[in-house]
C-alpha atoms as a PDB file:
ATOM      1  CA  MET A   1      12.967 -14.686  -0.974  1.00  0.00           C
ATOM      2  CA  ALA A   2      10.419 -12.039  -1.431  1.00  0.00           C
ATOM      3  CA  THR A   3       8.517 -11.203  -4.733  1.00  0.00           C
ATOM      4  CA  THR A   4       7.873  -7.720  -5.604  1.00  0.00           C
ATOM      5  CA  VAL A   5       4.641  -6.702  -7.189  1.00  0.00           C
ATOM      6  CA  ASP A   6       4.525  -3.214  -8.726  1.00  0.00           C
ATOM      7  CA  ASP A   7       1.400  -1.065  -8.009  1.00  0.00           C
ATOM      8  CA  ARG A   8       0.444  -1.500 -11.586  1.00  0.00           C
ATOM      9  CA  ASP A   9       0.265  -5.194 -11.682  1.00  0.00           C
ATOM     10  CA  PRO A  10      -2.994  -6.601 -12.616  1.00  0.00           C
ATOM     11  CA  ARG A  11      -3.276  -8.614  -9.522  1.00  0.00           C
ATOM     12  CA  ILE A  12      -3.823  -5.438  -7.579  1.00  0.00           C
ATOM     13  CA  THR A  13      -7.621  -4.188  -7.963  1.00  0.00           C
ATOM     14  CA  TYR A  14      -8.397  -0.537  -7.431  1.00  0.00           C
ATOM     15  CA  THR A  15     -11.775   0.824  -6.181  1.00  0.00           C
ATOM     16  CA  GLY A  16     -12.816   4.148  -5.805  1.00  0.00           C
ATOM     17  CA  THR A  17     -10.803   7.437  -7.164  1.00  0.00           C
ATOM     18  CA  TRP A  18      -7.162   6.586  -7.703  1.00  0.00           C
ATOM     19  CA  THR A  19      -4.596   8.689  -9.853  1.00  0.00           C
ATOM     20  CA  LEU A  20      -1.409   7.562 -11.508  1.00  0.00           C
ATOM     21  CA  GLY A  21       1.968   9.116 -10.426  1.00  0.00           C
ATOM     22  CA  GLY A  22       5.686   8.231 -10.138  1.00  0.00           C
ATOM     23  CA  ASN A  23       8.951   9.398  -9.851  1.00  0.00           C
ATOM     24  CA  ALA A  24      12.476   8.090 -10.485  1.00  0.00           C
ATOM     25  CA  PRO A  25      13.085   7.087  -6.928  1.00  0.00           C
ATOM     26  CA  GLU A  26       9.976   4.992  -6.877  1.00  0.00           C
ATOM     27  CA  TYR A  27       9.785   1.223  -7.768  1.00  0.00           C
ATOM     28  CA  GLU A  28       9.298   1.151 -11.540  1.00  0.00           C
ATOM     29  CA  ASN A  29       8.896   4.936 -11.401  1.00  0.00           C
ATOM     30  CA  THR A  30       5.174   4.277 -10.603  1.00  0.00           C
ATOM     31  CA  THR A  31       2.695   4.885  -7.989  1.00  0.00           C
ATOM     32  CA  HIS A  32      -1.150   5.041  -7.397  1.00  0.00           C
ATOM     33  CA  GLY A  33      -2.426   7.858  -5.308  1.00  0.00           C
ATOM     34  CA  THR A  34      -5.865   8.727  -3.591  1.00  0.00           C
ATOM     35  CA  THR A  35      -7.150  11.437  -1.356  1.00  0.00           C
ATOM     36  CA  ILE A  36     -10.582   9.865  -1.191  1.00  0.00           C
ATOM     37  CA  ALA A  37     -11.613   8.036   2.067  1.00  0.00           C
ATOM     38  CA  GLY A  38     -12.707   4.756   1.380  1.00  0.00           C
ATOM     39  CA  SER A  39     -10.848   4.071  -1.765  1.00  0.00           C
ATOM     40  CA  SER A  40      -8.918   0.756  -1.855  1.00  0.00           C
ATOM     41  CA  ALA A  41      -6.723  -1.457  -3.290  1.00  0.00           C
ATOM     42  CA  SER A  42      -6.916  -5.253  -3.138  1.00  0.00           C
ATOM     43  CA  PHE A  43      -3.941  -7.620  -3.681  1.00  0.00           C
ATOM     44  CA  ASN A  44      -5.140 -10.727  -5.803  1.00  0.00           C
ATOM     45  CA  PHE A  45      -2.901 -13.372  -6.871  1.00  0.00           C
ATOM     46  CA  THR A  46      -5.108 -15.785  -8.927  1.00  0.00           C
ATOM     47  CA  GLY A  47      -8.055 -14.454  -6.766  1.00  0.00           C
ATOM     48  CA  THR A  48      -5.770 -14.381  -3.621  1.00  0.00           C
ATOM     49  CA  PHE A  49      -2.014 -14.528  -2.792  1.00  0.00           C
ATOM     50  CA  HIS A  50      -0.401 -17.549  -1.608  1.00  0.00           C
ATOM     51  CA  GLY A  51       2.414 -16.681   0.778  1.00  0.00           C
ATOM     52  CA  THR A  52       3.561 -16.579   4.358  1.00  0.00           C
ATOM     53  CA  SER A  53       4.120 -12.724   4.715  1.00  0.00           C
ATOM     54  CA  VAL A  54       3.231  -9.689   2.840  1.00  0.00           C
ATOM     55  CA  SER A  55       4.578  -5.882   3.187  1.00  0.00           C
ATOM     56  CA  VAL A  56       3.198  -2.745   1.573  1.00  0.00           C
ATOM     57  CA  PHE A  57       5.386   0.226   0.588  1.00  0.00           C
ATOM     58  CA  GLY A  58       4.659   3.666  -0.637  1.00  0.00           C
ATOM     59  CA  THR A  59       5.787   7.372  -0.846  1.00  0.00           C
ATOM     60  CA  VAL A  60       5.122   9.466   2.077  1.00  0.00           C
ATOM     61  CA  GLY A  61       4.645  13.111   0.764  1.00  0.00           C
ATOM     62  CA  PRO A  62       5.313  16.500   2.679  1.00  0.00           C
ATOM     63  CA  VAL A  63       2.589  17.516   4.971  1.00  0.00           C
ATOM     64  CA  ASP A  64       2.891  20.997   3.835  1.00  0.00           C
ATOM     65  CA  TYR A  65       1.091  21.301   0.424  1.00  0.00           C
ATOM     66  CA  TYR A  66       1.282  24.860  -0.965  1.00  0.00           C
ATOM     67  CA  HIS A  67       1.509  26.297   2.568  1.00  0.00           C
ATOM     68  CA  VAL A  68      -1.375  24.203   3.808  1.00  0.00           C
ATOM     69  CA  ASP A  69      -0.739  21.540   6.468  1.00  0.00           C
ATOM     70  CA  VAL A  70      -2.872  18.649   4.905  1.00  0.00           C
ATOM     71  CA  GLY A  71      -1.505  16.046   7.557  1.00  0.00           C
ATOM     72  CA  PRO A  72      -0.048  12.745   6.894  1.00  0.00           C
ATOM     73  CA  PRO A  73      -2.067   9.963   4.892  1.00  0.00           C
ATOM     74  CA  MET A  74      -3.882   7.263   6.966  1.00  0.00           C
ATOM     75  CA  SER A  75      -4.666   3.706   5.811  1.00  0.00           C
ATOM     76  CA  VAL A  76      -6.190   0.606   7.033  1.00  0.00           C
ATOM     77  CA  TYR A  77      -4.893  -2.972   6.236  1.00  0.00           C
ATOM     78  CA  ASN A  78      -7.427  -5.879   6.392  1.00  0.00           C
ATOM     79  CA  LEU A  79      -5.762  -9.214   6.048  1.00  0.00           C
ATOM     80  CA  ASP A  80      -7.674 -12.429   6.078  1.00  0.00           C
ATOM     81  CA  HIS A  81      -9.161 -12.887   9.741  1.00  0.00           C
ATOM     82  CA  PHE A  82      -6.667 -10.614  11.413  1.00  0.00           C
ATOM     83  CA  PRO A  83      -7.747  -7.535  13.197  1.00  0.00           C
ATOM     84  CA  ALA A  84      -7.592  -4.332  10.876  1.00  0.00           C
ATOM     85  CA  VAL A  85      -4.218  -2.385  11.278  1.00  0.00           C
ATOM     86  CA  THR A  86      -4.235   1.259  10.931  1.00  0.00           C
ATOM     87  CA  PHE A  87      -1.030   3.006   9.623  1.00  0.00           C
ATOM     88  CA  THR A  88      -0.553   7.074  10.109  1.00  0.00           C
ATOM     89  CA  ALA A  89       2.620   8.037   8.232  1.00  0.00           C
ATOM     90  CA  PRO A  90       4.910  10.606   9.784  1.00  0.00           C
ATOM     91  CA  ALA A  91       4.620  14.017   9.192  1.00  0.00           C
ATOM     92  CA  LEU A  92       7.436  15.075   6.774  1.00  0.00           C
ATOM     93  CA  ASN A  93       8.935  18.147   5.164  1.00  0.00           C
ATOM     94  CA  SER A  94      10.165  16.204   2.130  1.00  0.00           C
ATOM     95  CA  ALA A  95       9.112  13.096   0.404  1.00  0.00           C
ATOM     96  CA  SER A  96      10.194   9.618   1.803  1.00  0.00           C
ATOM     97  CA  TYR A  97      10.261   6.745  -0.831  1.00  0.00           C
ATOM     98  CA  HIS A  98      10.016   3.208  -0.285  1.00  0.00           C
ATOM     99  CA  TYR A  99       8.488   3.574   3.211  1.00  0.00           C
ATOM    100  CA  GLN A 100       7.079   0.607   4.780  1.00  0.00           C
ATOM    101  CA  PHE A 101       3.289   1.136   5.379  1.00  0.00           C
ATOM    102  CA  TYR A 102       2.486  -2.473   6.586  1.00  0.00           C
ATOM    103  CA  THR A 103       3.996  -5.763   7.348  1.00  0.00           C
ATOM    104  CA  SER A 104       1.690  -8.723   8.124  1.00  0.00           C
ATOM    105  CA  PRO A 105       2.303 -11.137  11.108  1.00  0.00           C
ATOM    106  CA  LEU A 106       3.747 -14.485   9.886  1.00  0.00           C
ATOM    107  CA  LEU A 107       1.268 -16.445   8.075  1.00  0.00           C
ATOM    108  CA  ASP A 108       0.483 -20.099   7.554  1.00  0.00           C
ATOM    109  CA  GLU A 109       1.294 -21.191   4.245  1.00  0.00           C
ATOM    110  CA  GLY A 110      -1.846 -20.909   1.804  1.00  0.00           C
ATOM    111  CA  VAL A 111      -4.214 -18.492   0.341  1.00  0.00           C
ATOM    112  CA  HIS A 112      -4.309 -14.989   1.807  1.00  0.00           C
ATOM    113  CA  TYR A 113      -6.310 -11.744   0.735  1.00  0.00           C
ATOM    114  CA  LEU A 114      -5.318  -8.259   1.647  1.00  0.00           C
ATOM    115  CA  VAL A 115      -7.244  -4.920   1.301  1.00  0.00           C
ATOM    116  CA  ILE A 116      -5.795  -1.436   1.707  1.00  0.00           C
ATOM    117  CA  THR A 117      -8.050   1.339   2.346  1.00  0.00           C
ATOM    118  CA  SER A 118      -7.399   5.082   2.615  1.00  0.00           C
ATOM    119  CA  VAL A 119      -9.101   6.825   5.454  1.00  0.00           C
ATOM    120  CA  ASN A 120      -8.509  10.347   5.098  1.00  0.00           C
ATOM    121  CA  MET A 121      -9.317  13.048   2.714  1.00  0.00           C
ATOM    122  CA  SER A 122      -6.600  15.531   2.809  1.00  0.00           C
ATOM    123  CA  SER A 123      -3.120  14.092   2.123  1.00  0.00           C
ATOM    124  CA  VAL A 124      -2.270  11.719  -0.595  1.00  0.00           C
ATOM    125  CA  LEU A 125      -2.011   7.998   0.036  1.00  0.00           C
ATOM    126  CA  TRP A 126       0.587   7.035  -2.554  1.00  0.00           C
ATOM    127  CA  LEU A 127       0.889   3.202  -2.983  1.00  0.00           C
ATOM    128  CA  ASP A 128       4.179   2.064  -4.628  1.00  0.00           C
ATOM    129  CA  TYR A 129       4.545  -1.786  -4.394  1.00  0.00           C
ATOM    130  CA  LEU A 130       3.868  -4.904  -2.255  1.00  0.00           C
ATOM    131  CA  GLN A 131       6.365  -7.712  -1.299  1.00  0.00           C
ATOM    132  CA  TYR A 132       5.278 -11.119  -0.223  1.00  0.00           C
ATOM    133  CA  THR A 133       7.155 -14.390   0.717  1.00  0.00           C
ATOM    134  CA  PRO A 134       5.736 -17.001  -1.394  1.00  0.00           C
ATOM    135  CA  SER A 135       4.709 -20.284   0.092  1.00  0.00           C
ATOM    136  CA  SER A 136       7.341 -23.031  -0.418  1.00  0.00           C
ATOM    137  CA  SER A 137       4.654 -25.005  -2.461  1.00  0.00           C
ATOM    138  CA  ARG A 138       4.502 -22.231  -5.186  1.00  0.00           C
END
């Protein structure tokens, strides 16, 4: 069974420039957002997390921001020794909540570390929550 971790959980460490947001449709009515390339969020569970998979969810906002096409948000996911995965959100006309940005491959049980990095500076990358499947030993 998956464990949900809200964006404001202290096991997520933010570096760079992030703002707090949130609306009623979002998990716990909270999000963290950034428009600064290189800003990152690291998921820590006692330094790392124990589990066999992890997924990242967020809100994709409309690409038309006050009549300016800001394009969709882009983010990169670095997990353990796996190659980085880049996600480009779809170009939408209205917000989409609980959108799955990333899902890891099946992982061996044990200690893992995930870093999420924003790569564009126009649209907002809104992180809402993570879900991970704990190791059977936890």
